[in-house]
Protein backbone atom coordinates (compact mmCIF):
# COMPACT_ATOMS: atom_id res chain seq x y z
CA MET A 1 -20.05 -2.70 -16.94
CA SER A 2 -20.88 -0.43 -14.03
CA TYR A 3 -18.66 0.23 -11.05
CA ASP A 4 -19.45 -2.57 -8.59
CA THR A 5 -19.05 -0.78 -5.27
CA ALA A 6 -20.72 -3.61 -3.35
CA ARG A 7 -18.19 -6.16 -4.61
CA LEU A 8 -15.22 -3.87 -4.00
CA SER A 9 -16.43 -2.98 -0.50
CA ARG A 10 -16.61 -6.72 0.29
CA GLU A 11 -13.19 -7.55 -1.17
CA TYR A 12 -11.15 -4.56 -0.01
CA PRO A 13 -11.52 -5.22 3.74
CA ARG A 14 -10.50 -8.85 3.11
CA ILE A 15 -7.44 -7.69 1.20
CA LEU A 16 -6.56 -5.29 4.03
CA ARG A 17 -7.06 -8.03 6.64
CA ASP A 18 -4.86 -10.47 4.71
CA ALA A 19 -2.10 -7.92 4.15
CA LEU A 20 -2.13 -6.80 7.77
CA ALA A 21 -2.15 -10.42 8.96
CA LEU A 22 0.98 -11.02 6.88
CA ALA A 23 2.53 -7.85 8.30
CA LYS A 24 1.75 -9.03 11.84
CA THR A 25 3.35 -12.42 11.08
CA LEU A 26 6.51 -10.76 9.79
CA ALA A 27 6.59 -8.39 12.76
CA GLY A 28 6.16 -11.37 15.07
CA GLU A 29 9.31 -12.82 13.52
CA GLY A 30 11.20 -9.66 14.49
CA LYS A 31 10.96 -8.08 11.04
CA LYS A 32 10.09 -4.45 10.39
CA VAL A 33 7.15 -3.75 8.10
CA LEU A 34 6.10 -0.37 6.68
CA LYS A 35 2.37 0.10 5.99
CA THR A 36 1.54 3.16 3.90
CA ASP A 37 -1.65 5.15 4.54
CA LEU A 38 -3.91 4.42 7.50
CA PHE A 39 -7.10 6.07 6.26
CA ASN A 40 -9.04 2.83 5.66
CA GLU A 41 -7.78 1.26 8.87
CA THR A 42 -9.13 4.18 10.91
CA GLN A 43 -12.59 4.15 9.31
CA ASN A 44 -15.64 2.05 10.11
CA LEU A 45 -14.47 -1.05 8.26
CA PRO A 46 -14.49 -4.62 9.62
CA ILE A 47 -10.72 -4.36 10.20
CA LYS A 48 -11.02 -1.38 12.58
CA GLY A 49 -9.53 -1.85 16.02
CA GLY A 50 -9.22 -5.63 16.10
CA ILE A 51 -6.23 -5.67 13.76
CA ILE A 52 -4.80 -2.18 13.61
CA GLY A 53 -5.54 -1.22 17.19
CA ASN A 54 -3.58 -4.10 18.69
CA ILE A 55 -0.47 -4.02 16.53
CA GLU A 56 2.74 -3.68 18.46
CA GLY A 57 6.38 -4.07 17.64
CA GLY A 58 7.63 -4.21 14.09
CA ILE A 59 4.80 -2.61 12.11
CA TYR A 60 5.31 1.04 11.23
CA ALA A 61 3.04 3.36 9.30
CA ILE A 62 3.39 6.51 7.26
CA GLU A 63 0.34 8.75 6.80
CA ILE A 64 0.18 12.18 5.19
CA ASN A 65 -2.97 13.42 6.95
CA ARG A 66 -2.41 14.74 10.51
CA ASN A 67 -6.03 13.99 11.53
CA VAL A 68 -5.67 10.34 10.46
CA VAL A 69 -2.34 10.11 12.33
CA ASN A 70 -4.00 11.42 15.51
CA LYS A 71 -6.93 9.01 15.11
CA ALA A 72 -4.58 6.06 14.58
CA ILE A 73 -2.67 6.98 17.73
CA ARG A 74 -5.94 7.21 19.70
CA MET A 75 -6.82 3.74 18.37
CA GLY A 76 -3.57 2.36 19.78
CA PHE A 77 -1.20 2.40 16.81
CA LYS A 78 2.20 3.27 18.30
CA ASN A 79 4.59 3.47 15.33
CA VAL A 80 2.86 5.97 13.06
CA ARG A 81 4.50 9.05 11.56
CA GLN A 82 3.14 11.87 9.52
CA GLY A 83 4.94 12.02 6.19
CA ASP A 84 4.84 11.64 2.44
CA ILE A 85 5.51 8.41 0.53
CA ARG A 86 7.50 10.44 -2.02
CA SER A 87 10.09 11.23 0.67
CA LEU A 88 9.94 8.63 3.43
CA PRO A 89 11.34 9.73 6.81
CA TYR A 90 13.13 6.42 7.38
CA SER A 91 16.68 5.18 6.99
CA ASP A 92 18.02 3.24 4.01
CA ASN A 93 17.53 -0.54 4.27
CA GLU A 94 15.33 -0.24 7.36
CA PHE A 95 12.37 -2.49 6.47
CA HIS A 96 11.86 -6.13 5.57
CA ALA A 97 8.55 -5.36 3.80
CA VAL A 98 6.49 -2.46 2.46
CA VAL A 99 2.71 -2.81 2.14
CA ASP A 100 0.97 -0.24 -0.10
CA LEU A 101 -2.74 -0.86 -0.57
CA SER A 102 -3.81 1.83 -3.02
CA THR A 103 -1.67 4.64 -1.62
CA ILE A 104 0.71 5.02 -4.55
CA ASP A 105 -2.15 5.91 -6.87
CA HIS A 106 -2.88 9.08 -4.88
CA VAL A 107 0.30 10.76 -6.17
CA ALA A 108 1.38 11.47 -9.74
CA GLU A 109 5.05 10.61 -9.17
CA PHE A 110 4.84 6.83 -8.86
CA GLU A 111 8.46 6.55 -10.03
CA MET A 112 9.60 8.58 -7.02
CA VAL A 113 7.54 6.40 -4.68
CA LEU A 114 8.95 3.14 -6.07
CA SER A 115 12.44 4.57 -5.65
CA GLU A 116 11.67 5.40 -2.02
CA TYR A 117 10.29 1.92 -1.35
CA ASN A 118 13.48 0.51 -2.82
CA ARG A 119 15.60 2.80 -0.64
CA VAL A 120 13.97 1.83 2.67
CA LEU A 121 13.75 -1.92 1.90
CA LYS A 122 16.51 -4.32 2.83
CA VAL A 123 17.96 -6.41 0.00
CA GLY A 124 15.57 -9.32 -0.46
CA GLY A 125 12.78 -7.38 1.26
CA ALA A 126 9.21 -7.83 0.04
CA VAL A 127 6.90 -5.27 -1.48
CA GLY A 128 3.15 -5.57 -1.93
CA ILE A 129 1.39 -2.89 -3.95
CA ILE A 130 -2.20 -2.44 -5.07
CA TYR A 131 -3.06 0.46 -7.39
CA TRP A 132 -5.65 1.58 -9.92
CA SER A 133 -4.48 1.36 -13.52
CA ARG A 134 -6.03 2.51 -16.75
CA ASP A 135 -4.57 1.81 -20.16
CA GLU A 136 -4.53 5.45 -21.20
CA GLY A 137 -3.36 6.83 -17.83
CA GLY A 138 -4.83 10.07 -16.53
CA HIS A 139 -6.46 10.97 -13.22
CA ASN A 140 -9.63 11.99 -11.46
CA LYS A 141 -10.02 13.96 -8.24
CA ASP A 142 -8.92 11.03 -6.07
CA PHE A 143 -6.61 8.82 -8.13
CA PHE A 144 -3.86 8.92 -10.71
CA TYR A 145 -4.03 6.05 -13.16
CA PHE A 146 -0.77 4.58 -14.39
CA PRO A 147 -0.68 2.45 -17.53
CA ARG A 148 0.31 -1.09 -16.58
CA GLU A 149 3.31 -1.16 -18.91
CA ASP A 150 4.78 2.06 -17.44
CA PHE A 151 4.29 0.88 -13.87
CA VAL A 152 5.76 -2.58 -14.48
CA ALA A 153 8.78 -1.17 -16.34
CA GLU A 154 9.56 1.17 -13.45
CA ALA A 155 8.93 -1.45 -10.76
CA ASN A 156 11.22 -3.92 -12.55
CA LYS A 157 14.12 -1.50 -12.06
CA TYR A 158 14.02 -2.22 -8.33
CA PHE A 159 12.03 -5.37 -7.72
CA GLU A 160 11.73 -8.87 -9.06
CA LEU A 161 7.97 -8.94 -9.57
CA GLN A 162 6.66 -12.34 -8.60
CA ARG A 163 2.92 -12.04 -8.95
CA GLU A 164 0.40 -9.83 -10.70
CA TRP A 165 -3.33 -10.05 -10.21
CA ILE A 166 -6.39 -8.06 -11.11
CA LEU A 167 -8.66 -7.50 -8.13
CA TYR A 168 -11.30 -5.56 -9.99
CA GLU A 169 -11.79 -4.69 -13.63
CA GLU A 170 -14.09 -2.14 -15.22
CA ILE A 171 -14.17 -2.91 -18.92
CA SER A 172 -16.08 0.21 -19.95
CA LEU A 173 -13.34 2.49 -18.57
CA LEU A 174 -10.42 0.12 -19.30
CA ARG A 175 -9.60 0.45 -15.63
CA ALA A 176 -8.42 -2.17 -13.16
CA LEU A 177 -7.37 -2.47 -9.55
CA ARG A 178 -4.07 -4.31 -9.98
CA GLY A 179 -1.86 -5.93 -7.42
CA TYR A 180 1.82 -6.83 -7.46
CA THR A 181 4.18 -8.56 -5.10
CA GLY A 182 7.91 -8.57 -5.53
CA VAL A 183 11.30 -8.79 -3.89
CA LYS A 184 13.97 -6.10 -3.84
CA LYS A 185 16.83 -6.98 -6.15
């Protein structure tokens, strides 16, 4: 099976829209939400501006790239900080939810990232994570692939995983774009 970029490009903006809509709902209820990585939100995707540009209040973002931070600020995002998901510049128990849409798979130390998400989440807080997995692990120039079993074992230390889904699967490479939602224990 070949890599279906057309399908993924159709689905990924929908996933982003849905996740950000949930984040806006939570923020509207006075809850603080951390969104990791704003690269896609600042690009020419259908979600540009209309969702990210008008977010106020309880949605915060962490982004490692200074240029993306500056672009997000120019687009109207107020609560964005430059930083690394392996060492979040936020207080313990600060957020009601963390939304990571394929950010965690850009670093090798996924265990460190899950620990940080656990640290900044309130007890009972929600986590939503999408990442690329491959049964044998490994990496390419853009992504680190974590075997499903390793990721789930580590995530279960901190979170009660409630849902797993496969958003995209490439049989020839034994690779999948997996998603998980859970609640901090």
